[in-house]
Protein backbone atom coordinates (compact mmCIF):
# COMPACT_ATOMS: atom_id res chain seq x y z
CA MET A 1 -46.43 56.98 49.14
CA LYS A 2 -47.49 55.91 52.65
CA LEU A 3 -49.96 53.46 51.13
CA PHE A 4 -47.20 52.02 48.91
CA ILE A 5 -44.90 51.61 51.93
CA SER A 6 -47.73 50.08 53.95
CA ILE A 7 -48.47 47.52 51.23
CA LEU A 8 -44.81 46.59 50.92
CA SER A 9 -44.46 46.38 54.70
CA SER A 10 -47.43 44.03 54.82
CA ILE A 11 -45.86 41.90 52.09
CA ILE A 12 -42.54 41.71 53.91
CA PHE A 13 -44.40 40.87 57.08
CA ILE A 14 -46.29 38.07 55.38
CA PHE A 15 -43.07 36.73 53.83
CA PHE A 16 -41.13 36.15 56.97
CA ILE A 17 -43.22 35.42 60.03
CA SER A 18 -42.11 32.19 61.74
CA SER A 19 -42.02 30.57 65.13
CA CYS A 20 -40.71 27.45 66.84
CA VAL A 21 -41.08 26.29 70.42
CA LEU A 22 -37.85 26.55 72.37
CA PHE A 23 -38.93 26.82 76.00
CA SER A 24 -41.71 25.43 78.14
CA LYS A 25 -42.23 28.67 80.09
CA ASP A 26 -42.90 32.19 78.95
CA ILE A 27 -39.97 34.57 79.33
CA LYS A 28 -40.17 38.36 79.06
CA THR A 29 -38.64 40.14 76.10
CA GLN A 30 -37.92 43.86 76.01
CA ILE A 31 -37.62 46.05 72.93
CA ASN A 32 -36.41 49.64 73.30
CA ILE A 33 -36.95 52.01 70.35
CA SER A 34 -35.30 55.41 70.06
CA SER A 35 -35.96 57.96 67.33
CA ARG A 36 -36.13 61.75 67.49
CA GLU A 37 -37.59 61.78 63.98
CA TYR A 38 -41.03 60.51 65.00
CA PRO A 39 -41.88 61.98 68.44
CA GLY A 40 -45.37 60.98 69.54
CA ALA A 41 -45.67 58.30 66.85
CA GLU A 42 -47.30 54.97 67.66
CA VAL A 43 -45.08 51.89 67.68
CA SER A 44 -46.65 48.49 67.08
CA LEU A 45 -45.24 44.97 67.10
CA THR A 46 -47.44 42.39 65.36
CA ILE A 47 -47.02 38.64 65.71
CA THR A 48 -49.01 35.97 63.88
CA ARG A 49 -48.82 32.20 63.80
CA GLY A 50 -50.22 29.32 61.78
CA LEU A 51 -52.96 29.66 59.20
CA PRO A 52 -53.99 33.00 57.68
CA SER A 53 -57.07 32.85 59.94
CA SER A 54 -54.92 32.82 63.11
CA PRO A 55 -55.36 35.61 65.65
CA LYS A 56 -52.70 38.32 65.59
CA GLU A 57 -50.92 39.31 68.78
CA ILE A 58 -50.27 43.07 68.76
CA HIS A 59 -48.20 45.02 71.27
CA LYS A 60 -48.28 48.82 71.15
CA SER A 61 -46.34 51.71 72.59
CA GLN A 62 -45.75 55.37 71.75
CA LEU A 63 -42.61 57.42 71.29
CA ASP A 64 -42.46 60.08 74.00
CA SER A 65 -41.32 63.70 73.53
CA LEU A 66 -37.71 62.50 73.57
CA GLY A 67 -38.43 59.84 70.96
CA ARG A 68 -38.28 56.81 73.27
CA ALA A 69 -40.62 53.84 73.50
CA ARG A 70 -40.56 50.39 75.07
CA ILE A 71 -42.45 47.21 74.33
CA GLU A 72 -42.40 44.33 76.81
CA PHE A 73 -44.14 40.99 76.48
CA SER A 74 -43.73 37.37 77.52
CA HIS A 75 -43.47 34.43 75.14
CA LYS A 76 -41.98 30.98 74.83
CA ASP A 77 -41.40 30.92 71.07
CA THR A 78 -38.72 32.21 68.76
CA LEU A 79 -40.57 34.80 66.70
CA ASN A 80 -40.38 36.92 63.61
CA ALA A 81 -42.58 39.99 64.18
CA LEU A 82 -43.32 43.14 62.24
CA LEU A 83 -42.33 46.42 63.91
CA ILE A 84 -43.98 49.57 62.51
CA VAL A 85 -43.34 53.14 63.60
CA GLY A 86 -46.05 55.69 62.78
CA GLU A 87 -48.03 55.12 59.60
CA SER A 88 -45.31 52.89 58.14
CA GLU A 89 -42.73 55.70 58.21
CA PHE A 90 -40.39 52.92 59.33
CA SER A 91 -40.89 49.18 59.39
CA THR A 92 -38.77 46.08 59.76
CA THR A 93 -39.15 42.46 60.75
CA LEU A 94 -37.46 41.56 64.02
CA TYR A 95 -36.02 38.20 64.99
CA ILE A 96 -36.89 37.71 68.67
CA GLU A 97 -35.93 34.99 71.13
CA PRO A 98 -37.51 34.62 74.59
CA GLY A 99 -35.78 36.92 77.07
CA SER A 100 -34.22 39.13 74.37
CA ASP A 101 -33.19 42.70 75.15
CA ILE A 102 -33.28 44.46 71.78
CA ASN A 103 -32.31 48.11 71.34
CA LEU A 104 -33.16 49.90 68.11
CA THR A 105 -32.22 53.44 67.13
CA ILE A 106 -33.71 54.99 63.99
CA GLU A 107 -31.84 57.92 62.48
CA ASN A 108 -32.45 59.36 59.00
CA GLY A 109 -34.83 56.50 58.43
CA LEU A 110 -32.12 53.86 58.99
CA PRO A 111 -31.88 51.42 61.92
CA THR A 112 -28.97 50.70 64.24
CA PHE A 113 -29.30 47.68 66.51
CA LYS A 114 -27.63 47.13 69.85
CA GLY A 115 -28.04 44.62 72.63
CA ASP A 116 -29.10 41.06 71.94
CA LEU A 117 -29.39 39.73 68.39
CA LYS A 118 -28.03 42.97 66.90
CA ILE A 119 -26.23 41.27 64.00
CA ILE A 120 -29.10 39.03 62.98
CA ASN A 121 -31.63 41.90 63.13
CA SER A 122 -29.33 44.12 61.09
CA TYR A 123 -29.30 41.43 58.42
CA TYR A 124 -33.07 41.03 58.73
CA TYR A 125 -33.49 44.68 57.79
CA LYS A 126 -31.20 44.28 54.76
CA ILE A 127 -33.02 41.12 53.67
CA GLY A 128 -36.28 43.03 53.98
CA LEU A 129 -34.97 45.74 51.64
CA ASN A 130 -33.89 43.05 49.20
CA ALA A 131 -37.34 41.48 49.31
CA ARG A 132 -38.97 44.85 48.60
CA GLU A 133 -36.75 45.28 45.56
CA GLY A 134 -37.66 41.78 44.42
CA GLN A 135 -41.35 42.47 44.97
CA GLU A 136 -41.14 45.49 42.68
CA TYR A 137 -39.70 43.19 40.01
CA VAL A 138 -42.53 40.69 40.53
CA ASN A 139 -45.20 43.39 40.35
CA ALA A 140 -43.68 44.87 37.19
CA ASN A 141 -43.42 41.54 35.36
CA CYS A 142 -46.41 39.53 36.56
CA ALA A 143 -48.62 40.45 33.59
CA ARG A 144 -45.82 39.62 31.16
CA TYR A 145 -45.20 36.31 32.91
CA ILE A 146 -48.83 35.27 32.51
CA SER A 147 -48.77 35.70 28.72
CA ALA A 148 -45.19 34.48 28.19
CA SER A 149 -44.09 31.13 26.77
CA SER A 150 -42.88 28.50 29.24
CA LEU A 151 -39.30 29.22 28.18
CA LYS A 152 -39.69 32.93 28.82
CA GLN A 153 -41.43 32.24 32.12
CA GLN A 154 -38.37 30.33 33.27
CA VAL A 155 -36.25 33.40 32.47
CA TYR A 156 -38.38 35.43 34.86
CA LEU A 157 -38.08 32.76 37.55
CA ASP A 158 -34.31 32.58 37.10
CA SER A 159 -34.15 36.36 37.50
CA LEU A 160 -35.74 36.08 40.94
CA ALA A 161 -32.68 34.16 42.12
CA THR A 162 -30.40 37.09 41.30
CA PHE A 163 -31.89 39.38 43.94
CA GLY A 164 -29.65 39.71 46.96
CA THR A 165 -26.81 37.57 45.58
CA GLU A 166 -24.14 39.73 47.20
CA LEU A 167 -26.06 39.92 50.47
CA LYS A 168 -26.34 36.14 50.61
CA LYS A 169 -22.58 35.83 50.00
CA GLN A 170 -21.97 38.32 52.79
CA ILE A 171 -24.06 36.25 55.20
CA GLU A 172 -22.30 33.04 54.22
CA LYS A 173 -18.84 34.60 54.74
CA ASP A 174 -19.55 36.58 57.92
CA ASN A 175 -17.46 34.87 60.61
CA SER A 176 -19.17 36.83 63.39
CA ILE A 177 -22.30 34.72 62.83
CA SER A 178 -22.58 31.25 64.34
CA ASN A 179 -23.59 28.37 62.11
CA HIS A 180 -26.99 28.29 63.80
CA TYR A 181 -27.80 31.94 63.09
CA ARG A 182 -26.30 31.73 59.63
CA GLN A 183 -28.80 29.01 58.79
CA VAL A 184 -31.62 31.08 60.33
CA LEU A 185 -30.67 33.98 58.04
CA ILE A 186 -30.31 31.81 54.94
CA ASP A 187 -33.74 30.25 55.54
CA TYR A 188 -35.24 33.70 56.07
CA PHE A 189 -33.50 34.95 52.94
CA SER A 190 -34.75 31.98 50.90
CA ILE A 191 -38.47 32.45 51.55
CA PHE A 192 -38.84 35.13 48.88
CA GLY A 193 -37.30 33.01 46.14
CA ILE A 194 -39.41 30.03 47.14
CA THR A 195 -42.76 31.76 47.41
CA GLN A 196 -42.70 34.04 44.38
CA PRO A 197 -42.75 31.23 41.77
CA MET A 198 -45.82 29.96 43.65
CA TYR A 199 -47.33 33.43 43.32
CA PHE A 200 -46.56 33.56 39.59
CA ASP A 201 -48.17 30.14 39.06
CA MET A 202 -51.25 31.21 41.01
CA ARG A 203 -51.68 34.24 38.74
CA VAL A 204 -51.35 32.06 35.63
CA ASP A 205 -53.96 29.60 36.91
CA ASN A 206 -56.35 32.39 37.92
CA ASN A 207 -56.00 33.92 34.46
CA ASP A 208 -56.77 30.54 32.86
CA LEU A 209 -59.85 30.15 35.08
CA ILE A 210 -61.14 33.52 33.90
CA THR A 211 -60.32 33.12 30.20
CA LYS A 212 -60.74 29.38 29.71
CA GLY A 213 -62.95 28.33 32.63
CA ARG A 214 -60.26 25.98 33.93
CA SER A 215 -56.60 26.09 34.96
CA ALA A 216 -55.97 22.45 33.97
CA ILE A 217 -58.01 19.72 32.30
CA LEU A 218 -58.91 17.22 35.00
CA ASP A 219 -59.59 13.56 34.50
CA SER A 220 -62.57 11.83 36.07
CA THR A 221 -60.44 10.31 38.85
CA LEU A 222 -58.94 13.70 39.89
CA SER A 223 -55.56 11.99 39.94
CA ASN A 224 -53.97 14.94 38.13
CA ALA A 225 -55.65 17.72 40.15
CA PHE A 226 -52.43 18.68 41.96
CA GLU A 227 -50.04 17.99 39.11
CA GLY A 228 -47.20 20.53 39.22
CA PHE A 229 -47.95 21.44 42.84
CA SER A 230 -45.52 20.34 45.51
CA LEU A 231 -44.56 21.23 49.07
CA GLN A 232 -41.11 21.68 50.56
CA HIS A 233 -41.03 20.04 53.96
CA LYS A 234 -38.20 22.21 55.25
CA TYR A 235 -40.36 25.33 55.05
CA ILE A 236 -43.70 23.96 56.26
CA LYS A 237 -42.84 25.27 59.75
CA PHE A 238 -42.95 28.85 58.42
CA PRO A 239 -46.45 30.36 58.62
CA THR A 240 -45.37 32.59 55.73
CA TYR A 241 -44.75 29.60 53.53
CA ARG A 242 -48.13 28.15 54.52
CA TRP A 243 -49.71 31.50 53.63
CA TYR A 244 -48.29 31.22 50.10
CA VAL A 245 -49.39 27.59 49.93
CA ASN A 246 -52.87 28.96 50.61
CA ILE A 247 -52.52 31.50 47.78
CA ARG A 248 -51.24 28.86 45.38
CA LEU A 249 -54.04 26.43 46.23
CA GLN A 250 -56.90 28.83 45.59
CA PRO A 251 -57.13 28.36 41.79
CA ILE A 252 -56.49 24.62 42.18
CA PHE A 253 -59.42 24.28 44.59
CA ASN A 254 -61.60 26.41 42.31
CA ASN A 255 -60.71 24.28 39.31
CA ILE A 256 -61.70 21.09 41.14
CA LEU A 257 -64.98 22.62 42.31
CA ASN A 258 -65.75 23.93 38.81
CA TYR A 259 -65.23 20.41 37.45
CA ARG A 260 -67.55 19.08 40.16
CA TYR A 261 -70.25 21.57 39.18
CA GLU A 262 -69.89 21.10 35.42
CA ASN A 263 -70.17 17.33 35.73
CA GLY A 264 -73.04 17.32 38.23
CA VAL A 265 -71.08 15.48 40.92
CA LYS A 266 -73.33 14.93 43.95
CA LYS A 267 -70.50 14.49 46.45
CA GLY A 268 -70.07 17.42 48.87
CA LYS A 269 -67.32 19.96 48.28
CA TYR A 270 -65.33 18.95 51.38
CA GLU A 271 -65.38 15.27 50.46
CA TYR A 272 -64.58 16.00 46.82
CA ILE A 273 -61.51 18.10 47.64
CA LYS A 274 -60.41 15.52 50.20
CA GLU A 275 -60.70 12.78 47.57
CA ALA A 276 -58.54 14.76 45.15
CA ILE A 277 -55.85 15.30 47.80
CA GLU A 278 -55.84 11.64 48.77
CA LYS A 279 -55.29 10.63 45.14
CA ASP A 280 -51.88 12.40 45.13
CA THR A 281 -49.39 10.38 47.19
CA LYS A 282 -46.85 13.22 47.40
CA LEU A 283 -49.37 15.07 49.58
CA ASN A 284 -49.85 12.25 52.09
CA ASP A 285 -47.98 14.02 54.91
CA TYR A 286 -49.85 17.30 54.42
CA ARG A 287 -53.48 16.28 54.11
CA ASP A 288 -54.63 18.06 57.26
CA LEU A 289 -52.82 21.26 56.27
CA LEU A 290 -54.39 21.28 52.81
CA MET A 291 -57.87 20.54 54.14
CA ALA A 292 -57.48 23.25 56.79
CA ILE A 293 -56.51 25.67 54.03
CA PHE A 294 -59.54 24.56 52.01
CA ILE A 295 -61.83 25.42 54.94
CA PHE A 296 -60.12 28.79 55.27
CA HIS A 297 -60.57 29.24 51.51
CA THR A 298 -64.28 28.45 51.87
CA SER A 299 -64.58 30.99 54.70
CA SER A 300 -63.98 33.72 52.11
CA SER A 301 -66.91 32.62 49.95
CA SER A 302 -70.37 34.13 49.99
CA GLU A 303 -71.92 30.84 51.09
CA MET A 304 -69.98 30.64 54.36
CA ASP A 305 -71.89 31.03 57.62
CA TYR A 306 -71.68 29.60 61.13
CA ASN A 307 -73.63 26.43 60.34
CA LEU A 308 -71.53 25.59 57.29
CA GLY A 309 -68.32 26.42 59.16
CA SER A 310 -69.33 24.14 62.03
CA LYS A 311 -70.12 21.33 59.60
CA LEU A 312 -66.76 21.67 57.83
CA ILE A 313 -64.78 21.81 61.06
CA ASN A 314 -66.64 18.82 62.51
CA SER A 315 -65.74 16.83 59.38
CA PHE A 316 -62.13 17.97 59.79
CA LYS A 317 -62.13 16.85 63.45
CA MET A 318 -63.33 13.41 62.48
CA ASP A 319 -60.67 13.08 59.78
CA TYR A 320 -57.76 14.70 61.66
CA PRO A 321 -58.52 14.62 65.41
CA GLN A 322 -54.89 15.36 66.36
CA SER A 323 -54.28 18.16 63.86
CA LYS A 324 -52.50 21.23 65.18
CA TYR A 325 -54.66 23.39 62.90
CA LEU A 326 -57.91 22.62 64.73
CA THR A 327 -57.53 25.48 67.21
CA GLU A 328 -57.00 27.99 64.43
CA LEU A 329 -60.00 26.75 62.47
CA GLU A 330 -62.18 27.08 65.56
CA TYR A 331 -60.89 30.61 66.06
CA MET A 332 -61.94 31.42 62.50
CA LEU A 333 -65.43 30.25 63.37
CA THR A 334 -65.85 32.78 66.20
CA ASP A 335 -66.43 35.62 63.73
CA PHE A 336 -69.19 33.67 62.01
CA TYR A 337 -70.75 32.79 65.39
CA GLN A 338 -71.34 36.49 65.95
CA LEU A 339 -73.29 36.58 62.67
CA LYS A 340 -75.57 33.61 63.29
CA GLY A 341 -79.30 34.03 63.67
CA GLY A 342 -80.34 35.47 67.02
CA MET A 343 -77.09 37.37 67.62
CA PRO A 344 -77.14 41.18 68.05
CA MET A 345 -76.74 43.00 64.76
CA LYS A 346 -73.48 44.72 63.85
CA ASP A 347 -74.46 48.37 63.82
CA ILE A 348 -73.12 50.43 60.95
CA GLU A 349 -73.05 54.13 60.26
CA MET A 350 -73.45 55.60 56.79
CA HIS A 351 -74.29 58.89 55.09
CA ASP A 352 -77.35 59.78 53.05
CA VAL A 353 -77.34 61.72 49.76
CA ASN A 354 -77.23 64.98 51.73
CA GLY A 355 -74.16 63.90 53.70
CA LYS A 356 -76.08 63.37 56.93
CA ALA A 357 -74.93 60.44 59.06
CA PHE A 358 -77.36 57.78 60.27
CA SER A 359 -77.07 54.24 61.56
CA VAL A 360 -78.95 50.96 61.26
CA SER A 361 -79.71 51.08 65.00
CA SER A 362 -81.88 54.15 64.37
CA LEU A 363 -84.29 51.80 62.57
CA LYS A 364 -84.66 49.43 65.53
CA GLY A 365 -88.28 48.40 66.07
CA ASN A 366 -88.69 47.54 62.41
CA LEU A 367 -87.93 44.53 60.25
CA ILE A 368 -84.85 45.69 58.30
CA TYR A 369 -83.86 44.28 54.92
CA ILE A 370 -80.36 45.52 54.00
CA ASP A 371 -79.23 45.49 50.36
CA VAL A 372 -75.44 45.86 50.00
CA TRP A 373 -74.67 47.03 46.47
CA ALA A 374 -72.64 49.34 44.21
CA THR A 375 -73.27 51.12 40.93
CA TRP A 376 -70.49 49.13 39.23
CA CYS A 377 -72.00 45.76 40.20
CA GLY A 378 -74.10 44.29 37.35
CA PRO A 379 -75.91 41.63 39.44
CA CYS A 380 -76.68 44.32 42.05
CA ILE A 381 -78.34 46.52 39.43
CA ASP A 382 -80.31 43.57 38.09
CA GLU A 383 -81.67 42.81 41.56
CA LEU A 384 -82.63 46.46 42.15
CA GLU A 385 -85.39 45.98 39.56
CA TYR A 386 -86.85 43.26 41.78
CA SER A 387 -86.36 45.51 44.81
CA LYS A 388 -88.75 48.03 43.24
CA LYS A 389 -91.37 45.30 42.93
CA LEU A 390 -90.66 44.13 46.49
CA ALA A 391 -91.18 47.66 47.80
CA LYS A 392 -94.49 47.90 45.94
CA LYS A 393 -95.63 44.49 47.22
CA TYR A 394 -95.05 45.52 50.85
CA SER A 395 -96.00 49.18 50.56
CA ASN A 396 -98.74 48.64 53.17
CA HIS A 397 -96.20 47.40 55.71
CA PRO A 398 -94.39 50.48 57.09
CA GLU A 399 -92.71 48.24 59.69
CA LEU A 400 -90.58 46.75 56.87
CA LYS A 401 -87.64 49.04 56.14
CA LEU A 402 -85.68 48.55 52.94
CA LEU A 403 -82.16 49.91 53.42
CA TYR A 404 -79.79 50.19 50.45
CA VAL A 405 -76.13 50.46 51.50
CA SER A 406 -73.79 51.39 48.65
CA ILE A 407 -70.08 50.67 48.95
CA ASP A 408 -69.16 52.86 45.97
CA GLU A 409 -65.84 54.62 46.48
CA ASP A 410 -67.04 57.37 44.14
CA THR A 411 -69.72 59.14 46.19
CA GLU A 412 -70.70 61.47 43.34
CA ARG A 413 -71.22 58.55 40.98
CA TRP A 414 -73.60 57.01 43.53
CA LYS A 415 -75.54 60.26 43.89
CA GLU A 416 -75.71 60.67 40.12
CA TYR A 417 -77.01 57.12 39.71
CA LEU A 418 -79.82 57.77 42.20
CA ARG A 419 -80.66 61.03 40.44
CA LYS A 420 -80.81 59.45 36.98
CA ASN A 421 -82.77 56.37 38.00
CA LEU A 422 -86.18 56.06 39.58
CA GLN A 423 -85.91 56.36 43.32
CA PHE A 424 -86.30 53.07 45.09
CA GLU A 425 -88.72 52.98 47.97
CA GLY A 426 -86.56 52.81 51.04
CA LEU A 427 -83.53 54.40 52.66
CA HIS A 428 -80.24 55.00 50.89
CA GLY A 429 -76.83 55.29 52.51
CA ILE A 430 -73.21 55.01 51.45
CA GLN A 431 -70.15 53.62 53.17
CA ASN A 432 -66.66 54.21 51.77
CA SER A 433 -63.20 55.38 52.82
CA GLU A 434 -64.39 58.98 52.65
CA PHE A 435 -66.59 58.40 55.68
CA VAL A 436 -65.55 55.30 57.64
CA GLU A 437 -62.55 53.16 58.53
CA ASP A 438 -62.17 49.78 56.84
CA SER A 439 -62.91 47.97 60.11
CA SER A 440 -66.30 49.74 60.35
CA MET A 441 -67.38 48.93 56.80
CA ILE A 442 -70.39 46.66 56.44
CA THR A 443 -68.24 44.37 54.27
CA SER A 444 -65.84 43.90 57.18
CA LEU A 445 -68.40 43.59 59.98
CA TYR A 446 -70.56 41.11 58.07
CA LYS A 447 -67.69 39.29 56.35
CA ILE A 448 -68.92 40.15 52.85
CA TYR A 449 -66.60 39.03 50.04
CA GLY A 450 -68.92 39.61 47.12
CA ILE A 451 -72.00 41.67 46.34
CA PRO A 452 -74.93 41.85 46.11
CA ARG A 453 -75.48 40.73 49.67
CA TYR A 454 -78.65 40.88 51.73
CA ILE A 455 -79.09 40.97 55.49
CA LEU A 456 -82.26 40.63 57.56
CA ILE A 457 -82.52 42.21 61.03
CA ASP A 458 -85.53 41.65 63.31
CA LYS A 459 -87.47 44.27 65.25
CA ASP A 460 -85.32 43.69 68.35
CA GLY A 461 -82.11 44.44 66.47
CA LYS A 462 -81.04 40.82 66.19
CA ILE A 463 -79.77 39.05 63.10
CA ILE A 464 -82.28 36.84 61.31
CA ASN A 465 -79.97 35.99 58.44
CA ALA A 466 -76.63 37.61 57.56
CA ASN A 467 -76.83 36.08 54.07
CA ALA A 468 -80.51 36.43 53.25
CA LYS A 469 -82.47 35.68 50.08
CA ARG A 470 -82.33 38.06 47.13
CA PRO A 471 -85.32 40.27 46.25
CA SER A 472 -86.01 38.11 43.19
CA GLU A 473 -86.41 35.10 45.51
CA LEU A 474 -88.47 36.92 48.14
CA LEU A 475 -91.01 37.99 45.53
CA THR A 476 -91.96 34.38 44.84
CA ASP A 477 -92.44 33.17 48.42
CA SER A 478 -94.08 34.30 51.67
CA TYR A 479 -90.94 34.42 53.81
CA LEU A 480 -91.21 38.14 54.57
CA ASP A 481 -94.91 37.74 55.34
CA SER A 482 -94.09 35.17 58.01
CA LEU A 483 -91.62 37.57 59.62
CA LEU A 484 -93.96 40.56 59.51
CA VAL A 485 -96.65 38.77 61.56
CA LEU A 486 -94.24 38.03 64.39
């Protein structure tokens, strides 16, 4: 249940985060939380801006024995931020202006607001509940929407507009709200209805990519690549809206790149996507946003590393030197900088088949070849056959350590696989939620979005390559030999 609430809270958070500059100087805001229901619970306020790759600003406090907590911070923007008490026992999005004094009491799981902005934050909570109800509808009908006729799909979309009808009327008729705040609430309310059709369309396109190999048939000029896709200028200022633009664009980008591959186009991916965007005049005012999202999209691919990221961002700088998204793209690159060759390795802890913990750092002094795999991964299993041959080829080199890190969630399945199959020469460990937090997983630390993945660490514990060659490739060259003589 907590996981369900956490997922929904994250969705609501993603829906409605926004900001706009109002003041030139930072002003302190104070939020007082009172709840006897959750004494000792952590309270966190999370703020994000811009692209999905933007850094998150998190402020934390803790309810004391009397159930009181305070969060203070300075800012110059009007914000929408997610407040969470405990492990999502309570959550709501807060509307915050610089210098606000917000007082929140939680009783029987329900909020009461006092102080500044009490009316607007009360409505925010109600809109959040409405969005959760709407999200349940979306989740329940997404599969049906994908396979439905266009006429039936429109019925589903029309149904989205019915959520919160009475609440919207209440906001429009509430005379205690100024016209300014009424518009703020209506815009906040509208985000769900605007973004969910984009989500539905993304799911349809992704399904077509899987089943048909394409989401739309492109012509050689790419002039129809973004047909059916449009942007609403009024909502571009909302990071939430831009987040859904990112989601919607993923299958479109993939379709263009698939066409490029199938037709042997020599032009680089960045230039090819840029060309497609420039062919659609309705996107003229949003080219830098779409290209920034493309770079973010590429950052989630297995090919992404610091060198490629630098190349993409340098191209972006040349094309859009004044873009407000440059800072966020450069922030995204910092994670990849830590994974470039010569940087200290990200140490990870895992457990062997006997449940004993060990870490990669315990192997320091050796050349370490890490194989990230899982029993359910077909390509991983295929490469393990080459790993056996690799181990045999270098059996006279004890300074080469082959480390197999499984990310199977089912620990027993992993153990059973190793028992039923010939043991591979090397060390075996497992990382999953049974043993480690998500942030300590090798997939998180090394930004791994698909397996198999291979990592090479030198004898000094520094990264040689965080996206190294596969065993099948290493068998046919002398790359490991050159490293072993160092």
